[in-house]
């Protein structure tokens, strides 16, 4: 799973990135100190999880979460903040978690586990072949289309070995 961390305080962002990198559910983590940079990165990339500070200049974490959800409704949001009074606003944007700073690795691990618990696990295989019902081939999750003549050749090869 891929995560992003956005916190205007660089040291805190880097600390969160390091903690995320140690979690088994997270394969890749990217950190940002500016919400606009995170949104720009999300134009060409996806994130399964966004860990967001709330009190940031220019764009607060609530607004950032709304914009992330517009682009990617399935991205789980966990707020990491020093303020408890934003909790109601946070859950109005369907946040999966709300952690008060300072955050320990154990606290983060629990919220990440919860936030990602409903997400399907990514396939580790590059190619998936389904033989029940139709004969379907997927590469990186995308269906492969065969011309009918090539299908017959492929099936003959598979049957004859």
N, C-alpha and C. Protein backbone atom coordinates (compact mmCIF):
# COMPACT_ATOMS: atom_id res chain seq x y z
N UNK A 1 0.84 -1.17 0.00
CA UNK A 1 0.00 0.00 0.00
C UNK A 1 0.90 1.25 0.00
N UNK A 2 0.40 2.30 -0.59
CA UNK A 2 1.16 3.54 -0.70
C UNK A 2 0.53 4.61 0.19
N UNK A 3 1.39 5.34 0.91
CA UNK A 3 0.91 6.38 1.82
C UNK A 3 1.61 7.70 1.54
N UNK A 4 0.91 8.79 1.87
CA UNK A 4 1.54 10.11 1.85
C UNK A 4 1.38 10.71 3.24
N UNK A 5 2.35 11.52 3.62
CA UNK A 5 2.31 12.26 4.89
C UNK A 5 2.46 13.74 4.55
N UNK A 6 1.57 14.56 5.11
CA UNK A 6 1.64 15.99 4.87
C UNK A 6 1.61 16.71 6.21
N UNK A 7 2.71 17.40 6.50
CA UNK A 7 2.83 18.19 7.74
C UNK A 7 3.76 19.35 7.42
N UNK A 8 3.34 20.56 7.77
CA UNK A 8 4.16 21.73 7.47
C UNK A 8 5.43 21.79 8.33
N UNK A 9 5.48 21.02 9.39
CA UNK A 9 6.69 20.94 10.20
C UNK A 9 7.53 19.78 9.67
N UNK A 10 8.64 20.13 9.02
CA UNK A 10 9.45 19.15 8.30
C UNK A 10 9.91 18.00 9.18
N UNK A 11 10.38 18.28 10.38
CA UNK A 11 10.87 17.21 11.25
C UNK A 11 9.76 16.23 11.63
N UNK A 12 8.57 16.75 11.91
CA UNK A 12 7.46 15.87 12.24
C UNK A 12 7.03 15.04 11.03
N UNK A 13 7.03 15.66 9.86
CA UNK A 13 6.70 14.92 8.64
C UNK A 13 7.71 13.80 8.41
N UNK A 14 8.99 14.12 8.55
CA UNK A 14 10.03 13.11 8.34
C UNK A 14 9.93 11.98 9.36
N UNK A 15 9.60 12.33 10.61
CA UNK A 15 9.43 11.32 11.65
C UNK A 15 8.26 10.40 11.32
N UNK A 16 7.16 10.96 10.85
CA UNK A 16 5.99 10.16 10.47
C UNK A 16 6.33 9.26 9.28
N UNK A 17 7.05 9.79 8.32
CA UNK A 17 7.47 8.99 7.16
C UNK A 17 8.32 7.81 7.62
N UNK A 18 9.25 8.05 8.52
CA UNK A 18 10.10 6.96 9.02
C UNK A 18 9.29 5.90 9.76
N UNK A 19 8.33 6.32 10.56
CA UNK A 19 7.48 5.36 11.26
C UNK A 19 6.65 4.54 10.27
N UNK A 20 6.10 5.22 9.26
CA UNK A 20 5.30 4.52 8.24
C UNK A 20 6.14 3.49 7.49
N UNK A 21 7.37 3.85 7.18
CA UNK A 21 8.25 2.95 6.43
C UNK A 21 8.51 1.65 7.19
N UNK A 22 8.35 1.68 8.50
CA UNK A 22 8.57 0.49 9.32
C UNK A 22 7.32 -0.37 9.47
N UNK A 23 6.18 0.09 8.99
CA UNK A 23 4.94 -0.66 9.13
C UNK A 23 4.81 -1.66 7.98
N UNK A 24 4.42 -2.89 8.28
CA UNK A 24 4.37 -3.93 7.24
C UNK A 24 3.31 -3.67 6.16
N UNK A 25 2.26 -2.91 6.48
CA UNK A 25 1.20 -2.67 5.50
C UNK A 25 1.61 -1.66 4.43
N UNK A 26 2.61 -0.86 4.73
CA UNK A 26 2.98 0.24 3.83
C UNK A 26 4.23 -0.13 3.04
N UNK A 27 4.07 -0.18 1.72
CA UNK A 27 5.18 -0.51 0.83
C UNK A 27 5.97 0.73 0.43
N UNK A 28 5.26 1.85 0.33
CA UNK A 28 5.89 3.09 -0.14
C UNK A 28 5.26 4.27 0.59
N UNK A 29 6.10 5.21 1.00
CA UNK A 29 5.58 6.40 1.69
C UNK A 29 6.31 7.63 1.16
N UNK A 30 5.54 8.69 0.96
CA UNK A 30 6.09 9.94 0.41
C UNK A 30 5.66 11.07 1.34
N UNK A 31 6.59 11.97 1.65
CA UNK A 31 6.29 13.08 2.56
C UNK A 31 6.29 14.43 1.86
N UNK A 32 5.43 15.32 2.38
CA UNK A 32 5.30 16.67 1.84
C UNK A 32 5.15 17.66 2.99
N UNK A 33 5.71 18.85 2.81
CA UNK A 33 5.52 19.92 3.80
C UNK A 33 4.50 20.95 3.32
N UNK A 34 4.08 20.83 2.07
CA UNK A 34 3.10 21.76 1.51
C UNK A 34 1.94 20.97 0.90
N UNK A 35 0.72 21.28 1.33
CA UNK A 35 -0.45 20.57 0.79
C UNK A 35 -0.55 20.62 -0.73
N UNK A 36 -0.22 21.75 -1.32
CA UNK A 36 -0.34 21.87 -2.79
C UNK A 36 0.63 20.92 -3.50
N UNK A 37 1.80 20.69 -2.92
CA UNK A 37 2.74 19.74 -3.51
C UNK A 37 2.18 18.32 -3.46
N UNK A 38 1.52 17.99 -2.36
CA UNK A 38 0.90 16.67 -2.23
C UNK A 38 -0.19 16.49 -3.28
N UNK A 39 -1.04 17.51 -3.46
CA UNK A 39 -2.10 17.44 -4.46
C UNK A 39 -1.52 17.33 -5.87
N UNK A 40 -0.45 18.05 -6.11
CA UNK A 40 0.19 17.98 -7.42
C UNK A 40 0.73 16.57 -7.67
N UNK A 41 1.35 15.97 -6.67
CA UNK A 41 1.87 14.61 -6.79
C UNK A 41 0.73 13.62 -7.04
N UNK A 42 -0.41 13.85 -6.40
CA UNK A 42 -1.56 12.96 -6.56
C UNK A 42 -2.21 13.06 -7.94
N UNK A 43 -1.85 14.08 -8.71
CA UNK A 43 -2.36 14.17 -10.09
C UNK A 43 -1.89 12.97 -10.92
N UNK A 44 -0.66 12.50 -10.67
CA UNK A 44 -0.08 11.41 -11.45
C UNK A 44 0.11 10.13 -10.66
N UNK A 45 -0.23 10.14 -9.38
CA UNK A 45 0.01 9.00 -8.51
C UNK A 45 -1.22 8.75 -7.64
N UNK A 46 -1.25 7.60 -7.01
CA UNK A 46 -2.34 7.29 -6.10
C UNK A 46 -1.78 7.00 -4.71
N UNK A 47 -2.62 7.17 -3.72
CA UNK A 47 -2.26 6.84 -2.35
C UNK A 47 -3.43 6.10 -1.71
N UNK A 48 -3.12 5.03 -1.01
CA UNK A 48 -4.14 4.29 -0.29
C UNK A 48 -4.45 4.95 1.05
N UNK A 49 -3.47 5.72 1.55
CA UNK A 49 -3.57 6.32 2.87
C UNK A 49 -2.93 7.70 2.85
N UNK A 50 -3.59 8.67 3.51
CA UNK A 50 -3.02 10.01 3.65
C UNK A 50 -3.00 10.36 5.14
N UNK A 51 -1.82 10.65 5.65
CA UNK A 51 -1.65 11.09 7.03
C UNK A 51 -1.45 12.59 7.00
N UNK A 52 -2.39 13.33 7.58
CA UNK A 52 -2.43 14.77 7.39
C UNK A 52 -2.42 15.53 8.71
N UNK A 53 -1.57 16.56 8.78
CA UNK A 53 -1.65 17.54 9.85
C UNK A 53 -2.89 18.39 9.55
N UNK A 54 -3.46 19.01 10.54
CA UNK A 54 -4.64 19.85 10.28
C UNK A 54 -4.26 21.32 10.23
N UNK A 55 -3.51 21.79 11.21
CA UNK A 55 -3.21 23.21 11.31
C UNK A 55 -1.98 23.55 10.47
N UNK A 56 -2.24 23.89 9.19
CA UNK A 56 -1.17 24.25 8.26
C UNK A 56 -1.53 25.56 7.56
N UNK A 57 -0.52 26.34 7.19
CA UNK A 57 -0.81 27.59 6.48
C UNK A 57 -1.26 27.32 5.04
N UNK A 58 -1.91 28.26 4.45
CA UNK A 58 -2.39 28.23 3.07
C UNK A 58 -3.59 27.29 2.88
N UNK A 59 -3.47 26.03 3.31
CA UNK A 59 -4.56 25.07 3.18
C UNK A 59 -4.50 24.15 4.40
N UNK A 60 -5.59 24.12 5.17
CA UNK A 60 -5.54 23.25 6.34
C UNK A 60 -5.81 21.80 5.94
N UNK A 61 -5.57 20.88 6.88
CA UNK A 61 -5.69 19.47 6.59
C UNK A 61 -7.10 19.02 6.26
N UNK A 62 -8.11 19.70 6.80
CA UNK A 62 -9.50 19.35 6.50
C UNK A 62 -9.79 19.62 5.02
N UNK A 63 -9.40 20.81 4.56
CA UNK A 63 -9.59 21.16 3.15
C UNK A 63 -8.78 20.21 2.25
N UNK A 64 -7.56 19.91 2.67
CA UNK A 64 -6.73 18.98 1.90
C UNK A 64 -7.41 17.61 1.81
N UNK A 65 -7.95 17.14 2.91
CA UNK A 65 -8.63 15.84 2.91
C UNK A 65 -9.82 15.84 1.93
N UNK A 66 -10.58 16.92 1.94
CA UNK A 66 -11.71 17.03 1.01
C UNK A 66 -11.25 16.96 -0.44
N UNK A 67 -10.16 17.63 -0.74
CA UNK A 67 -9.64 17.63 -2.12
C UNK A 67 -9.08 16.27 -2.50
N UNK A 68 -8.44 15.61 -1.54
CA UNK A 68 -7.94 14.25 -1.80
C UNK A 68 -9.12 13.32 -2.07
N UNK A 69 -10.16 13.42 -1.25
CA UNK A 69 -11.33 12.55 -1.40
C UNK A 69 -12.06 12.81 -2.73
N UNK A 70 -12.02 14.07 -3.22
CA UNK A 70 -12.61 14.36 -4.53
C UNK A 70 -11.90 13.58 -5.63
N UNK A 71 -10.57 13.53 -5.54
CA UNK A 71 -9.77 12.85 -6.55
C UNK A 71 -9.79 11.34 -6.37
N UNK A 72 -9.79 10.92 -5.12
CA UNK A 72 -9.66 9.50 -4.80
C UNK A 72 -10.49 9.16 -3.57
N UNK A 73 -11.78 8.88 -3.76
CA UNK A 73 -12.67 8.62 -2.61
C UNK A 73 -12.24 7.46 -1.72
N UNK A 74 -11.47 6.53 -2.26
CA UNK A 74 -11.06 5.36 -1.48
C UNK A 74 -9.81 5.59 -0.63
N UNK A 75 -9.18 6.75 -0.76
CA UNK A 75 -8.00 7.02 0.05
C UNK A 75 -8.43 7.20 1.51
N UNK A 76 -7.83 6.42 2.38
CA UNK A 76 -8.11 6.53 3.82
C UNK A 76 -7.35 7.73 4.37
N UNK A 77 -7.99 8.45 5.29
CA UNK A 77 -7.39 9.65 5.88
C UNK A 77 -7.20 9.43 7.37
N UNK A 78 -6.00 9.73 7.85
CA UNK A 78 -5.72 9.77 9.28
C UNK A 78 -5.16 11.16 9.57
N UNK A 79 -5.78 11.86 10.50
CA UNK A 79 -5.27 13.16 10.90
C UNK A 79 -4.30 12.98 12.06
N UNK A 80 -3.20 13.69 11.98
CA UNK A 80 -2.22 13.74 13.06
C UNK A 80 -2.05 15.20 13.41
N UNK A 81 -2.52 15.58 14.59
CA UNK A 81 -2.57 17.00 14.94
C UNK A 81 -2.30 17.21 16.42
N UNK A 82 -2.01 18.42 16.75
CA UNK A 82 -1.80 18.79 18.15
C UNK A 82 -3.06 19.32 18.80
N UNK A 83 -4.17 19.34 18.08
CA UNK A 83 -5.39 19.96 18.58
C UNK A 83 -6.56 18.99 18.56
N UNK A 84 -7.24 18.87 19.70
CA UNK A 84 -8.39 17.96 19.78
C UNK A 84 -9.66 18.59 19.23
N UNK A 85 -9.73 19.92 19.16
CA UNK A 85 -10.99 20.58 18.77
C UNK A 85 -11.35 20.45 17.29
N UNK A 86 -10.49 19.85 16.48
CA UNK A 86 -10.82 19.64 15.07
C UNK A 86 -11.48 18.27 14.82
N UNK A 87 -11.67 17.49 15.87
CA UNK A 87 -12.12 16.11 15.69
C UNK A 87 -13.46 16.01 14.95
N UNK A 88 -14.42 16.84 15.31
CA UNK A 88 -15.73 16.78 14.65
C UNK A 88 -15.58 17.08 13.16
N UNK A 89 -14.82 18.11 12.82
CA UNK A 89 -14.58 18.44 11.41
C UNK A 89 -13.90 17.28 10.69
N UNK A 90 -12.96 16.65 11.38
CA UNK A 90 -12.20 15.55 10.77
C UNK A 90 -13.11 14.39 10.40
N UNK A 91 -14.02 14.05 11.28
CA UNK A 91 -14.88 12.91 11.00
C UNK A 91 -15.99 13.25 10.01
N UNK A 92 -16.26 14.52 9.79
CA UNK A 92 -17.22 14.91 8.75
C UNK A 92 -16.66 14.64 7.36
N UNK A 93 -15.34 14.55 7.23
CA UNK A 93 -14.74 14.20 5.94
C UNK A 93 -14.42 12.70 5.87
N UNK A 94 -15.02 11.95 6.79
CA UNK A 94 -14.89 10.49 6.82
C UNK A 94 -13.47 10.03 7.10
N UNK A 95 -12.83 10.67 8.06
CA UNK A 95 -11.48 10.26 8.45
C UNK A 95 -11.55 8.88 9.10
N UNK A 96 -10.51 8.10 8.89
CA UNK A 96 -10.41 6.78 9.49
C UNK A 96 -9.73 6.83 10.84
N UNK A 97 -9.03 7.93 11.11
CA UNK A 97 -8.33 8.04 12.37
C UNK A 97 -8.01 9.48 12.72
N UNK A 98 -7.74 9.69 14.02
CA UNK A 98 -7.43 11.02 14.53
C UNK A 98 -6.45 10.84 15.68
N UNK A 99 -5.20 11.19 15.45
CA UNK A 99 -4.16 11.02 16.47
C UNK A 99 -3.67 12.37 16.95
N UNK A 100 -3.47 12.47 18.26
CA UNK A 100 -2.92 13.69 18.84
C UNK A 100 -1.41 13.55 18.98
N UNK A 101 -0.69 14.59 18.58
CA UNK A 101 0.77 14.61 18.70
C UNK A 101 1.13 14.74 20.18
N UNK A 102 2.23 14.15 20.59
CA UNK A 102 3.18 13.35 19.82
C UNK A 102 2.65 11.93 19.58
N UNK A 103 2.93 11.40 18.42
CA UNK A 103 2.44 10.09 18.01
C UNK A 103 3.56 9.07 18.14
N UNK A 104 3.21 7.94 18.75
CA UNK A 104 4.17 6.85 18.85
C UNK A 104 3.95 5.89 17.69
N UNK A 105 4.92 5.04 17.45
CA UNK A 105 4.80 4.06 16.38
C UNK A 105 3.63 3.10 16.67
N UNK A 106 3.41 2.76 17.93
CA UNK A 106 2.32 1.86 18.30
C UNK A 106 0.96 2.51 18.00
N UNK A 107 0.81 3.78 18.34
CA UNK A 107 -0.44 4.49 18.05
C UNK A 107 -0.69 4.52 16.55
N UNK A 108 0.36 4.86 15.81
CA UNK A 108 0.23 4.95 14.35
C UNK A 108 -0.11 3.59 13.76
N UNK A 109 0.54 2.55 14.24
CA UNK A 109 0.30 1.21 13.71
C UNK A 109 -1.15 0.79 13.89
N UNK A 110 -1.74 1.10 15.05
CA UNK A 110 -3.14 0.75 15.30
C UNK A 110 -4.08 1.47 14.34
N UNK A 111 -3.86 2.77 14.16
CA UNK A 111 -4.75 3.54 13.27
C UNK A 111 -4.55 3.15 11.81
N UNK A 112 -3.33 2.86 11.41
CA UNK A 112 -3.07 2.44 10.03
C UNK A 112 -3.73 1.08 9.79
N UNK A 113 -3.59 0.17 10.74
CA UNK A 113 -4.22 -1.14 10.60
C UNK A 113 -5.73 -0.99 10.42
N UNK A 114 -6.34 -0.16 11.24
CA UNK A 114 -7.79 0.07 11.14
C UNK A 114 -8.15 0.72 9.80
N UNK A 115 -7.41 1.75 9.41
CA UNK A 115 -7.72 2.49 8.18
C UNK A 115 -7.61 1.61 6.94
N UNK A 116 -6.66 0.69 6.94
CA UNK A 116 -6.44 -0.15 5.77
C UNK A 116 -7.15 -1.49 5.85
N UNK A 117 -7.84 -1.76 6.95
CA UNK A 117 -8.46 -3.08 7.15
C UNK A 117 -9.52 -3.40 6.11
N UNK A 118 -10.20 -2.42 5.59
CA UNK A 118 -11.24 -2.67 4.59
C UNK A 118 -10.75 -2.67 3.17
N UNK A 119 -9.50 -2.37 2.96
CA UNK A 119 -8.97 -2.30 1.59
C UNK A 119 -8.52 -3.68 1.12
N UNK A 120 -8.80 -4.01 -0.13
CA UNK A 120 -8.33 -5.30 -0.65
C UNK A 120 -6.81 -5.31 -0.75
N UNK A 121 -6.23 -6.45 -0.49
CA UNK A 121 -4.78 -6.60 -0.59
C UNK A 121 -4.38 -6.58 -2.06
N UNK A 122 -3.27 -5.94 -2.34
CA UNK A 122 -2.79 -5.90 -3.71
C UNK A 122 -2.20 -7.26 -4.08
N UNK A 123 -2.42 -7.64 -5.32
CA UNK A 123 -1.85 -8.87 -5.79
C UNK A 123 -0.35 -8.72 -5.91
N UNK A 124 0.37 -9.76 -5.52
CA UNK A 124 1.82 -9.68 -5.63
C UNK A 124 2.27 -10.13 -7.01
N UNK A 125 1.40 -10.80 -7.74
CA UNK A 125 1.76 -11.29 -9.05
C UNK A 125 1.50 -10.23 -10.11
N UNK A 126 2.33 -10.21 -11.09
CA UNK A 126 2.22 -9.28 -12.21
C UNK A 126 1.13 -9.74 -13.19
N UNK A 127 0.95 -11.07 -13.28
CA UNK A 127 -0.01 -11.65 -14.22
C UNK A 127 -0.99 -12.52 -13.44
N UNK A 128 -2.28 -12.37 -13.76
CA UNK A 128 -3.32 -13.18 -13.14
C UNK A 128 -4.13 -13.82 -14.25
N UNK A 129 -4.28 -15.16 -14.16
CA UNK A 129 -5.06 -15.90 -15.13
C UNK A 129 -6.22 -16.55 -14.39
N UNK A 130 -7.45 -16.25 -14.84
CA UNK A 130 -8.66 -16.83 -14.25
C UNK A 130 -9.22 -17.84 -15.24
N UNK A 131 -9.41 -19.08 -14.78
CA UNK A 131 -9.90 -20.12 -15.68
C UNK A 131 -11.28 -20.62 -15.31
N UNK A 132 -11.90 -20.06 -14.29
CA UNK A 132 -13.26 -20.45 -13.94
C UNK A 132 -14.23 -19.60 -14.74
N UNK A 133 -15.19 -20.25 -15.39
CA UNK A 133 -16.10 -19.50 -16.26
C UNK A 133 -15.37 -19.15 -17.54
N UNK A 134 -15.12 -17.87 -17.75
CA UNK A 134 -14.37 -17.42 -18.92
C UNK A 134 -12.88 -17.57 -18.67
N UNK A 135 -12.14 -17.56 -19.74
CA UNK A 135 -10.68 -17.55 -19.64
C UNK A 135 -10.24 -16.09 -19.69
N UNK A 136 -9.83 -15.54 -18.55
CA UNK A 136 -9.45 -14.13 -18.48
C UNK A 136 -8.00 -14.01 -18.05
N UNK A 137 -7.28 -13.09 -18.67
CA UNK A 137 -5.89 -12.81 -18.34
C UNK A 137 -5.79 -11.33 -17.98
N UNK A 138 -5.13 -11.03 -16.85
CA UNK A 138 -4.93 -9.66 -16.41
C UNK A 138 -3.43 -9.43 -16.20
N UNK A 139 -2.95 -8.29 -16.65
CA UNK A 139 -1.57 -7.87 -16.40
C UNK A 139 -1.66 -6.55 -15.64
N UNK A 140 -1.06 -6.52 -14.45
CA UNK A 140 -1.12 -5.35 -13.57
C UNK A 140 -2.57 -4.89 -13.36
N UNK A 141 -3.48 -5.85 -13.22
CA UNK A 141 -4.87 -5.54 -12.94
C UNK A 141 -5.70 -5.13 -14.14
N UNK A 142 -5.09 -5.06 -15.33
CA UNK A 142 -5.82 -4.65 -16.53
C UNK A 142 -6.05 -5.87 -17.41
N UNK A 143 -7.28 -6.01 -17.96
CA UNK A 143 -7.56 -7.18 -18.80
C UNK A 143 -6.76 -7.15 -20.10
N UNK A 144 -6.34 -8.34 -20.52
CA UNK A 144 -5.63 -8.50 -21.79
C UNK A 144 -6.65 -9.03 -22.79
N UNK A 145 -6.73 -8.38 -23.93
CA UNK A 145 -7.67 -8.78 -24.98
C UNK A 145 -6.89 -9.55 -26.06
N UNK A 146 -7.44 -10.68 -26.45
CA UNK A 146 -6.82 -11.50 -27.48
C UNK A 146 -7.73 -11.53 -28.70
N UNK A 147 -7.13 -11.60 -29.86
CA UNK A 147 -7.91 -11.87 -31.06
C UNK A 147 -8.28 -13.34 -31.00
N UNK A 148 -9.41 -13.71 -31.52
CA UNK A 148 -9.93 -15.06 -31.39
C UNK A 148 -8.92 -16.11 -31.86
N UNK A 149 -8.23 -15.87 -32.96
CA UNK A 149 -7.24 -16.83 -33.47
C UNK A 149 -6.12 -17.06 -32.46
N UNK A 150 -5.68 -16.02 -31.81
CA UNK A 150 -4.61 -16.13 -30.83
C UNK A 150 -5.09 -16.88 -29.59
N UNK A 151 -6.36 -16.72 -29.22
CA UNK A 151 -6.92 -17.44 -28.08
C UNK A 151 -6.87 -18.94 -28.33
N UNK A 152 -7.26 -19.36 -29.54
CA UNK A 152 -7.25 -20.78 -29.87
C UNK A 152 -5.83 -21.32 -29.80
N UNK A 153 -4.86 -20.55 -30.29
CA UNK A 153 -3.45 -20.98 -30.22
C UNK A 153 -3.00 -21.11 -28.78
N UNK A 154 -3.35 -20.14 -27.95
CA UNK A 154 -2.96 -20.16 -26.55
C UNK A 154 -3.60 -21.34 -25.82
N UNK A 155 -4.88 -21.56 -26.04
CA UNK A 155 -5.56 -22.68 -25.41
C UNK A 155 -4.97 -24.02 -25.86
N UNK A 156 -4.68 -24.15 -27.17
CA UNK A 156 -4.07 -25.39 -27.68
C UNK A 156 -2.73 -25.61 -27.02
N UNK A 157 -1.95 -24.57 -26.85
CA UNK A 157 -0.64 -24.68 -26.21
C UNK A 157 -0.79 -25.12 -24.75
N UNK A 158 -1.76 -24.53 -24.05
CA UNK A 158 -1.97 -24.87 -22.64
C UNK A 158 -2.45 -26.30 -22.47
N UNK A 159 -3.31 -26.76 -23.39
CA UNK A 159 -3.84 -28.11 -23.30
C UNK A 159 -2.78 -29.15 -23.68
N UNK A 160 -2.07 -28.87 -24.78
CA UNK A 160 -1.07 -29.84 -25.27
C UNK A 160 0.25 -29.77 -24.52
N UNK A 161 0.49 -28.63 -23.88
CA UNK A 161 1.69 -28.46 -23.07
C UNK A 161 2.87 -28.19 -23.89
